[in-house]
Amino acid sequence: MNITEAVKKRFEELCYEKGLNFCKLASISGVPYTTVKSIFYNQSRNPGIATIKKLCDGLEITITEFFSTEYFEKLEQEIK
């Protein structure tokens, strides 16, 4: 799994837990629908940290809570 996939999976997990789809997530976080859709459909190669933060705000979690999960802890180091 790479970082892009991890971000997508984490948002999918959080939306499932809160009963949201990506349209509703876009609405409550003030992020354009097309941006959120691109994350969910693997069209975004590098979602920015500012976008991730806004989505976290919409989900009412901290960015630390977002990244504090097995998805990110098990990522391989990109530079060796």
PDB file of N, CA and C in Angstrom:
ATOM      1  N   MET A   1       0.848  -1.176   0.000  1.00  0.00           N
ATOM      2  CA  MET A   1       0.000   0.000   0.000  1.00  0.00           C
ATOM      3  C   MET A   1       0.895   1.242   0.000  1.00  0.00           C
ATOM      4  N   ASN A   2       0.508   2.217  -0.813  1.00  0.00           N
ATOM      5  CA  ASN A   2       1.257   3.472  -0.830  1.00  0.00           C
ATOM      6  C   ASN A   2       0.464   4.551  -0.080  1.00  0.00           C
ATOM      7  N   ILE A   3       1.022   5.722   0.020  1.00  0.00           N
ATOM      8  CA  ILE A   3       0.414   6.790   0.812  1.00  0.00           C
ATOM      9  C   ILE A   3      -0.946   7.205   0.259  1.00  0.00           C
ATOM     10  N   THR A   4      -1.078   7.264  -1.060  1.00  0.00           N
ATOM     11  CA  THR A   4      -2.342   7.643  -1.682  1.00  0.00           C
ATOM     12  C   THR A   4      -3.437   6.644  -1.343  1.00  0.00           C
ATOM     13  N   GLU A   5      -3.110   5.374  -1.418  1.00  0.00           N
ATOM     14  CA  GLU A   5      -4.077   4.326  -1.081  1.00  0.00           C
ATOM     15  C   GLU A   5      -4.435   4.374   0.402  1.00  0.00           C
ATOM     16  N   ALA A   6      -3.459   4.648   1.241  1.00  0.00           N
ATOM     17  CA  ALA A   6      -3.697   4.727   2.678  1.00  0.00           C
ATOM     18  C   ALA A   6      -4.649   5.882   3.002  1.00  0.00           C
ATOM     19  N   VAL A   7      -4.452   7.024   2.374  1.00  0.00           N
ATOM     20  CA  VAL A   7      -5.330   8.182   2.591  1.00  0.00           C
ATOM     21  C   VAL A   7      -6.753   7.823   2.166  1.00  0.00           C
ATOM     22  N   LYS A   8      -6.894   7.219   0.997  1.00  0.00           N
ATOM     23  CA  LYS A   8      -8.210   6.822   0.503  1.00  0.00           C
ATOM     24  C   LYS A   8      -8.883   5.850   1.466  1.00  0.00           C
ATOM     25  N   LYS A   9      -8.175   4.819   1.860  1.00  0.00           N
ATOM     26  CA  LYS A   9      -8.747   3.805   2.750  1.00  0.00           C
ATOM     27  C   LYS A   9      -9.165   4.414   4.090  1.00  0.00           C
ATOM     28  N   ARG A  10      -8.355   5.317   4.602  1.00  0.00           N
ATOM     29  CA  ARG A  10      -8.676   5.941   5.884  1.00  0.00           C
ATOM     30  C   ARG A  10      -9.950   6.780   5.777  1.00  0.00           C
ATOM     31  N   PHE A  11     -10.074   7.557   4.693  1.00  0.00           N
ATOM     32  CA  PHE A  11     -11.293   8.347   4.524  1.00  0.00           C
ATOM     33  C   PHE A  11     -12.508   7.450   4.302  1.00  0.00           C
ATOM     34  N   GLU A  12     -12.344   6.381   3.569  1.00  0.00           N
ATOM     35  CA  GLU A  12     -13.445   5.432   3.381  1.00  0.00           C
ATOM     36  C   GLU A  12     -13.902   4.860   4.720  1.00  0.00           C
ATOM     37  N   GLU A  13     -12.942   4.479   5.538  1.00  0.00           N
ATOM     38  CA  GLU A  13     -13.237   3.923   6.860  1.00  0.00           C
ATOM     39  C   GLU A  13     -13.993   4.926   7.729  1.00  0.00           C
ATOM     40  N   LEU A  14     -13.504   6.157   7.754  1.00  0.00           N
ATOM     41  CA  LEU A  14     -14.132   7.191   8.578  1.00  0.00           C
ATOM     42  C   LEU A  14     -15.535   7.536   8.080  1.00  0.00           C
ATOM     43  N   CYS A  15     -15.705   7.605   6.781  1.00  0.00           N
ATOM     44  CA  CYS A  15     -17.026   7.890   6.225  1.00  0.00           C
ATOM     45  C   CYS A  15     -18.001   6.760   6.553  1.00  0.00           C
ATOM     46  N   TYR A  16     -17.547   5.534   6.461  1.00  0.00           N
ATOM     47  CA  TYR A  16     -18.390   4.390   6.804  1.00  0.00           C
ATOM     48  C   TYR A  16     -18.827   4.477   8.272  1.00  0.00           C
ATOM     49  N   GLU A  17     -17.864   4.766   9.140  1.00  0.00           N
ATOM     50  CA  GLU A  17     -18.167   4.870  10.575  1.00  0.00           C
ATOM     51  C   GLU A  17     -19.197   5.955  10.869  1.00  0.00           C
ATOM     52  N   LYS A  18     -19.152   7.047  10.110  1.00  0.00           N
ATOM     53  CA  LYS A  18     -20.036   8.185  10.370  1.00  0.00           C
ATOM     54  C   LYS A  18     -21.264   8.194   9.459  1.00  0.00           C
ATOM     55  N   GLY A  19     -21.378   7.174   8.605  1.00  0.00           N
ATOM     56  CA  GLY A  19     -22.543   7.084   7.726  1.00  0.00           C
ATOM     57  C   GLY A  19     -22.585   8.150   6.649  1.00  0.00           C
ATOM     58  N   LEU A  20     -21.416   8.503   6.137  1.00  0.00           N
ATOM     59  CA  LEU A  20     -21.325   9.549   5.117  1.00  0.00           C
ATOM     60  C   LEU A  20     -20.869   8.967   3.788  1.00  0.00           C
ATOM     61  N   ASN A  21     -21.282   9.599   2.699  1.00  0.00           N
ATOM     62  CA  ASN A  21     -20.675   9.302   1.406  1.00  0.00           C
ATOM     63  C   ASN A  21     -19.744  10.467   1.067  1.00  0.00           C
ATOM     64  N   PHE A  22     -18.993  10.335  -0.018  1.00  0.00           N
ATOM     65  CA  PHE A  22     -18.006  11.384  -0.290  1.00  0.00           C
ATOM     66  C   PHE A  22     -18.657  12.710  -0.676  1.00  0.00           C
ATOM     67  N   CYS A  23     -19.890  12.679  -1.183  1.00  0.00           N
ATOM     68  CA  CYS A  23     -20.595  13.933  -1.489  1.00  0.00           C
ATOM     69  C   CYS A  23     -20.879  14.709  -0.203  1.00  0.00           C
ATOM     70  N   LYS A  24     -21.366  14.005   0.799  1.00  0.00           N
ATOM     71  CA  LYS A  24     -21.671  14.643   2.083  1.00  0.00           C
ATOM     72  C   LYS A  24     -20.385  15.113   2.762  1.00  0.00           C
ATOM     73  N   LEU A  25     -19.314  14.311   2.669  1.00  0.00           N
ATOM     74  CA  LEU A  25     -18.028  14.718   3.238  1.00  0.00           C
ATOM     75  C   LEU A  25     -17.553  16.019   2.609  1.00  0.00           C
ATOM     76  N   ALA A  26     -17.676  16.134   1.305  1.00  0.00           N
ATOM     77  CA  ALA A  26     -17.282  17.367   0.621  1.00  0.00           C
ATOM     78  C   ALA A  26     -18.095  18.551   1.142  1.00  0.00           C
ATOM     79  N   SER A  27     -19.386  18.338   1.289  1.00  0.00           N
ATOM     80  CA  SER A  27     -20.278  19.402   1.736  1.00  0.00           C
ATOM     81  C   SER A  27     -19.948  19.884   3.144  1.00  0.00           C
ATOM     82  N   ILE A  28     -19.754  18.954   4.082  1.00  0.00           N
ATOM     83  CA  ILE A  28     -19.534  19.368   5.478  1.00  0.00           C
ATOM     84  C   ILE A  28     -18.131  19.898   5.727  1.00  0.00           C
ATOM     85  N   SER A  29     -17.199  19.611   4.812  1.00  0.00           N
ATOM     86  CA  SER A  29     -15.832  20.069   5.043  1.00  0.00           C
ATOM     87  C   SER A  29     -15.437  21.261   4.167  1.00  0.00           C
ATOM     88  N   GLY A  30     -16.303  21.649   3.246  1.00  0.00           N
ATOM     89  CA  GLY A  30     -15.998  22.800   2.401  1.00  0.00           C
ATOM     90  C   GLY A  30     -14.940  22.522   1.348  1.00  0.00           C
ATOM     91  N   VAL A  31     -14.758  21.258   1.024  1.00  0.00           N
ATOM     92  CA  VAL A  31     -13.803  20.856  -0.012  1.00  0.00           C
ATOM     93  C   VAL A  31     -14.608  20.563  -1.277  1.00  0.00           C
ATOM     94  N   PRO A  32     -14.147  21.032  -2.436  1.00  0.00           N
ATOM     95  CA  PRO A  32     -14.911  20.769  -3.655  1.00  0.00           C
ATOM     96  C   PRO A  32     -15.188  19.278  -3.864  1.00  0.00           C
ATOM     97  N   TYR A  33     -16.396  19.004  -4.328  1.00  0.00           N
ATOM     98  CA  TYR A  33     -16.833  17.639  -4.613  1.00  0.00           C
ATOM     99  C   TYR A  33     -15.832  16.914  -5.506  1.00  0.00           C
ATOM    100  N   THR A  34     -15.347  17.603  -6.538  1.00  0.00           N
ATOM    101  CA  THR A  34     -14.420  16.972  -7.480  1.00  0.00           C
ATOM    102  C   THR A  34     -13.102  16.568  -6.811  1.00  0.00           C
ATOM    103  N   THR A  35     -12.671  17.337  -5.829  1.00  0.00           N
ATOM    104  CA  THR A  35     -11.441  17.009  -5.103  1.00  0.00           C
ATOM    105  C   THR A  35     -11.631  15.747  -4.276  1.00  0.00           C
ATOM    106  N   VAL A  36     -12.747  15.679  -3.558  1.00  0.00           N
ATOM    107  CA  VAL A  36     -13.021  14.506  -2.727  1.00  0.00           C
ATOM    108  C   VAL A  36     -13.229  13.282  -3.611  1.00  0.00           C
ATOM    109  N   LYS A  37     -13.953  13.451  -4.692  1.00  0.00           N
ATOM    110  CA  LYS A  37     -14.177  12.347  -5.637  1.00  0.00           C
ATOM    111  C   LYS A  37     -12.849  11.826  -6.170  1.00  0.00           C
ATOM    112  N   SER A  38     -11.923  12.715  -6.475  1.00  0.00           N
ATOM    113  CA  SER A  38     -10.626  12.289  -7.008  1.00  0.00           C
ATOM    114  C   SER A  38      -9.830  11.475  -5.993  1.00  0.00           C
ATOM    115  N   ILE A  39     -10.003  11.761  -4.708  1.00  0.00           N
ATOM    116  CA  ILE A  39      -9.340  10.972  -3.669  1.00  0.00           C
ATOM    117  C   ILE A  39      -9.975   9.585  -3.600  1.00  0.00           C
ATOM    118  N   PHE A  40     -11.292   9.529  -3.603  1.00  0.00           N
ATOM    119  CA  PHE A  40     -12.008   8.259  -3.466  1.00  0.00           C
ATOM    120  C   PHE A  40     -11.871   7.352  -4.693  1.00  0.00           C
ATOM    121  N   TYR A  41     -11.613   7.944  -5.853  1.00  0.00           N
ATOM    122  CA  TYR A  41     -11.484   7.150  -7.079  1.00  0.00           C
ATOM    123  C   TYR A  41     -10.043   7.045  -7.576  1.00  0.00           C
ATOM    124  N   ASN A  42      -9.093   7.277  -6.671  1.00  0.00           N
ATOM    125  CA  ASN A  42      -7.661   7.146  -6.982  1.00  0.00           C
ATOM    126  C   ASN A  42      -7.207   7.993  -8.159  1.00  0.00           C
ATOM    127  N   GLN A  43      -7.841   9.125  -8.371  1.00  0.00           N
ATOM    128  CA  GLN A  43      -7.415  10.029  -9.435  1.00  0.00           C
ATOM    129  C   GLN A  43      -6.446  11.078  -8.903  1.00  0.00           C
ATOM    130  N   SER A  44      -6.439  11.250  -7.598  1.00  0.00           N
ATOM    131  CA  SER A  44      -5.534  12.205  -6.960  1.00  0.00           C
ATOM    132  C   SER A  44      -4.271  11.462  -6.546  1.00  0.00           C
ATOM    133  N   ARG A  45      -3.164  11.825  -7.116  1.00  0.00           N
ATOM    134  CA  ARG A  45      -1.904  11.162  -6.796  1.00  0.00           C
ATOM    135  C   ARG A  45      -1.279  11.676  -5.505  1.00  0.00           C
ATOM    136  N   ASN A  46      -1.636  12.909  -5.137  1.00  0.00           N
ATOM    137  CA  ASN A  46      -1.011  13.504  -3.972  1.00  0.00           C
ATOM    138  C   ASN A  46      -1.963  14.499  -3.306  1.00  0.00           C
ATOM    139  N   PRO A  47      -2.926  13.995  -2.544  1.00  0.00           N
ATOM    140  CA  PRO A  47      -3.823  14.944  -1.869  1.00  0.00           C
ATOM    141  C   PRO A  47      -3.032  15.791  -0.870  1.00  0.00           C
ATOM    142  N   GLY A  48      -3.209  17.080  -0.941  1.00  0.00           N
ATOM    143  CA  GLY A  48      -2.444  17.990  -0.095  1.00  0.00           C
ATOM    144  C   GLY A  48      -2.840  17.916   1.360  1.00  0.00           C
ATOM    145  N   ILE A  49      -1.919  18.285   2.212  1.00  0.00           N
ATOM    146  CA  ILE A  49      -2.157  18.238   3.646  1.00  0.00           C
ATOM    147  C   ILE A  49      -3.259  19.221   4.048  1.00  0.00           C
ATOM    148  N   ALA A  50      -3.366  20.353   3.352  1.00  0.00           N
ATOM    149  CA  ALA A  50      -4.432  21.315   3.664  1.00  0.00           C
ATOM    150  C   ALA A  50      -5.803  20.711   3.361  1.00  0.00           C
ATOM    151  N   THR A  51      -5.903  19.955   2.274  1.00  0.00           N
ATOM    152  CA  THR A  51      -7.155  19.282   1.924  1.00  0.00           C
ATOM    153  C   THR A  51      -7.482  18.211   2.955  1.00  0.00           C
ATOM    154  N   ILE A  52      -6.483  17.425   3.320  1.00  0.00           N
ATOM    155  CA  ILE A  52      -6.685  16.379   4.332  1.00  0.00           C
ATOM    156  C   ILE A  52      -7.154  17.013   5.640  1.00  0.00           C
ATOM    157  N   LYS A  53      -6.563  18.133   6.026  1.00  0.00           N
ATOM    158  CA  LYS A  53      -6.942  18.830   7.263  1.00  0.00           C
ATOM    159  C   LYS A  53      -8.388  19.303   7.202  1.00  0.00           C
ATOM    160  N   LYS A  54      -8.808  19.867   6.082  1.00  0.00           N
ATOM    161  CA  LYS A  54     -10.195  20.325   5.945  1.00  0.00           C
ATOM    162  C   LYS A  54     -11.167  19.152   6.047  1.00  0.00           C
ATOM    163  N   LEU A  55     -10.811  18.034   5.425  1.00  0.00           N
ATOM    164  CA  LEU A  55     -11.672  16.855   5.493  1.00  0.00           C
ATOM    165  C   LEU A  55     -11.749  16.331   6.927  1.00  0.00           C
ATOM    166  N   CYS A  56     -10.628  16.362   7.616  1.00  0.00           N
ATOM    167  CA  CYS A  56     -10.622  15.958   9.032  1.00  0.00           C
ATOM    168  C   CYS A  56     -11.507  16.881   9.860  1.00  0.00           C
ATOM    169  N   ASP A  57     -11.446  18.173   9.587  1.00  0.00           N
ATOM    170  CA  ASP A  57     -12.303  19.123  10.296  1.00  0.00           C
ATOM    171  C   ASP A  57     -13.773  18.779  10.064  1.00  0.00           C
ATOM    172  N   GLY A  58     -14.123  18.447   8.829  1.00  0.00           N
ATOM    173  CA  GLY A  58     -15.496  18.061   8.518  1.00  0.00           C
ATOM    174  C   GLY A  58     -15.917  16.792   9.245  1.00  0.00           C
ATOM    175  N   LEU A  59     -14.976  15.898   9.440  1.00  0.00           N
ATOM    176  CA  LEU A  59     -15.246  14.644  10.157  1.00  0.00           C
ATOM    177  C   LEU A  59     -15.147  14.811  11.672  1.00  0.00           C
ATOM    178  N   GLU A  60     -14.759  15.999  12.094  1.00  0.00           N
ATOM    179  CA  GLU A  60     -14.596  16.342  13.508  1.00  0.00           C
ATOM    180  C   GLU A  60     -13.557  15.460  14.204  1.00  0.00           C
ATOM    181  N   ILE A  61     -12.440  15.276  13.498  1.00  0.00           N
ATOM    182  CA  ILE A  61     -11.292  14.580  14.081  1.00  0.00           C
ATOM    183  C   ILE A  61     -10.051  15.438  13.849  1.00  0.00           C
ATOM    184  N   THR A  62      -9.025  15.176  14.632  1.00  0.00           N
ATOM    185  CA  THR A  62      -7.767  15.896  14.434  1.00  0.00           C
ATOM    186  C   THR A  62      -6.970  15.198  13.338  1.00  0.00           C
ATOM    187  N   ILE A  63      -6.049  15.919  12.801  1.00  0.00           N
ATOM    188  CA  ILE A  63      -5.187  15.326  11.774  1.00  0.00           C
ATOM    189  C   ILE A  63      -4.316  14.226  12.394  1.00  0.00           C
ATOM    190  N   THR A  64      -4.005  14.374  13.671  1.00  0.00           N
ATOM    191  CA  THR A  64      -3.251  13.334  14.374  1.00  0.00           C
ATOM    192  C   THR A  64      -4.075  12.057  14.450  1.00  0.00           C
ATOM    193  N   GLU A  65      -5.358  12.179  14.744  1.00  0.00           N
ATOM    194  CA  GLU A  65      -6.235  11.010  14.769  1.00  0.00           C
ATOM    195  C   GLU A  65      -6.322  10.356  13.392  1.00  0.00           C
ATOM    196  N   PHE A  66      -6.339  11.178  12.356  1.00  0.00           N
ATOM    197  CA  PHE A  66      -6.414  10.647  10.992  1.00  0.00           C
ATOM    198  C   PHE A  66      -5.208   9.764  10.690  1.00  0.00           C
ATOM    199  N   PHE A  67      -4.021  10.259  11.007  1.00  0.00           N
ATOM    200  CA  PHE A  67      -2.796   9.529  10.659  1.00  0.00           C
ATOM    201  C   PHE A  67      -2.410   8.465  11.683  1.00  0.00           C
ATOM    202  N   SER A  68      -3.044   8.474  12.836  1.00  0.00           N
ATOM    203  CA  SER A  68      -2.710   7.519  13.888  1.00  0.00           C
ATOM    204  C   SER A  68      -3.483   6.218  13.669  1.00  0.00           C
ATOM    205  N   THR A  69      -3.064   5.478  12.665  1.00  0.00           N
ATOM    206  CA  THR A  69      -3.720   4.228  12.311  1.00  0.00           C
ATOM    207  C   THR A  69      -2.718   3.300  11.644  1.00  0.00           C
ATOM    208  N   GLU A  70      -3.082   2.042  11.611  1.00  0.00           N
ATOM    209  CA  GLU A  70      -2.221   1.011  11.043  1.00  0.00           C
ATOM    210  C   GLU A  70      -1.881   1.279   9.577  1.00  0.00           C
ATOM    211  N   TYR A  71      -2.806   1.911   8.848  1.00  0.00           N
ATOM    212  CA  TYR A  71      -2.546   2.201   7.429  1.00  0.00           C
ATOM    213  C   TYR A  71      -1.236   2.955   7.245  1.00  0.00           C
ATOM    214  N   PHE A  72      -1.008   3.915   8.114  1.00  0.00           N
ATOM    215  CA  PHE A  72       0.168   4.768   7.962  1.00  0.00           C
ATOM    216  C   PHE A  72       1.384   4.209   8.696  1.00  0.00           C
ATOM    217  N   GLU A  73       1.152   3.471   9.758  1.00  0.00           N
ATOM    218  CA  GLU A  73       2.262   2.898  10.504  1.00  0.00           C
ATOM    219  C   GLU A  73       2.996   1.814   9.710  1.00  0.00           C
ATOM    220  N   LYS A  74       2.288   1.174   8.785  1.00  0.00           N
ATOM    221  CA  LYS A  74       2.889   0.077   8.036  1.00  0.00           C
ATOM    222  C   LYS A  74       3.388   0.469   6.648  1.00  0.00           C
ATOM    223  N   LEU A  75       3.356   1.763   6.337  1.00  0.00           N
ATOM    224  CA  LEU A  75       3.867   2.202   5.034  1.00  0.00           C
ATOM    225  C   LEU A  75       5.368   1.970   4.954  1.00  0.00           C
ATOM    226  N   GLU A  76       5.792   1.527   3.796  1.00  0.00           N
ATOM    227  CA  GLU A  76       7.220   1.360   3.587  1.00  0.00           C
ATOM    228  C   GLU A  76       7.868   2.721   3.398  1.00  0.00           C
ATOM    229  N   GLN A  77       9.112   2.812   3.796  1.00  0.00           N
ATOM    230  CA  GLN A  77       9.840   4.060   3.624  1.00  0.00           C
ATOM    231  C   GLN A  77      10.034   4.303   2.129  1.00  0.00           C
ATOM    232  N   GLU A  78       9.742   5.505   1.682  1.00  0.00           N
ATOM    233  CA  GLU A  78       9.826   5.835   0.257  1.00  0.00           C
ATOM    234  C   GLU A  78      11.277   6.008  -0.202  1.00  0.00           C
ATOM    235  N   ILE A  79      12.097   6.575   0.648  1.00  0.00           N
ATOM    236  CA  ILE A  79      13.503   6.818   0.291  1.00  0.00           C
ATOM    237  C   ILE A  79      14.349   5.862   1.113  1.00  0.00           C
ATOM    238  N   LYS A  80      15.165   5.122   0.422  1.00  0.00           N
ATOM    239  CA  LYS A  80      16.013   4.150   1.120  1.00  0.00           C
ATOM    240  C   LYS A  80      17.481   4.443   0.915  1.00  0.00           C
TER     241      LYS A  80
END
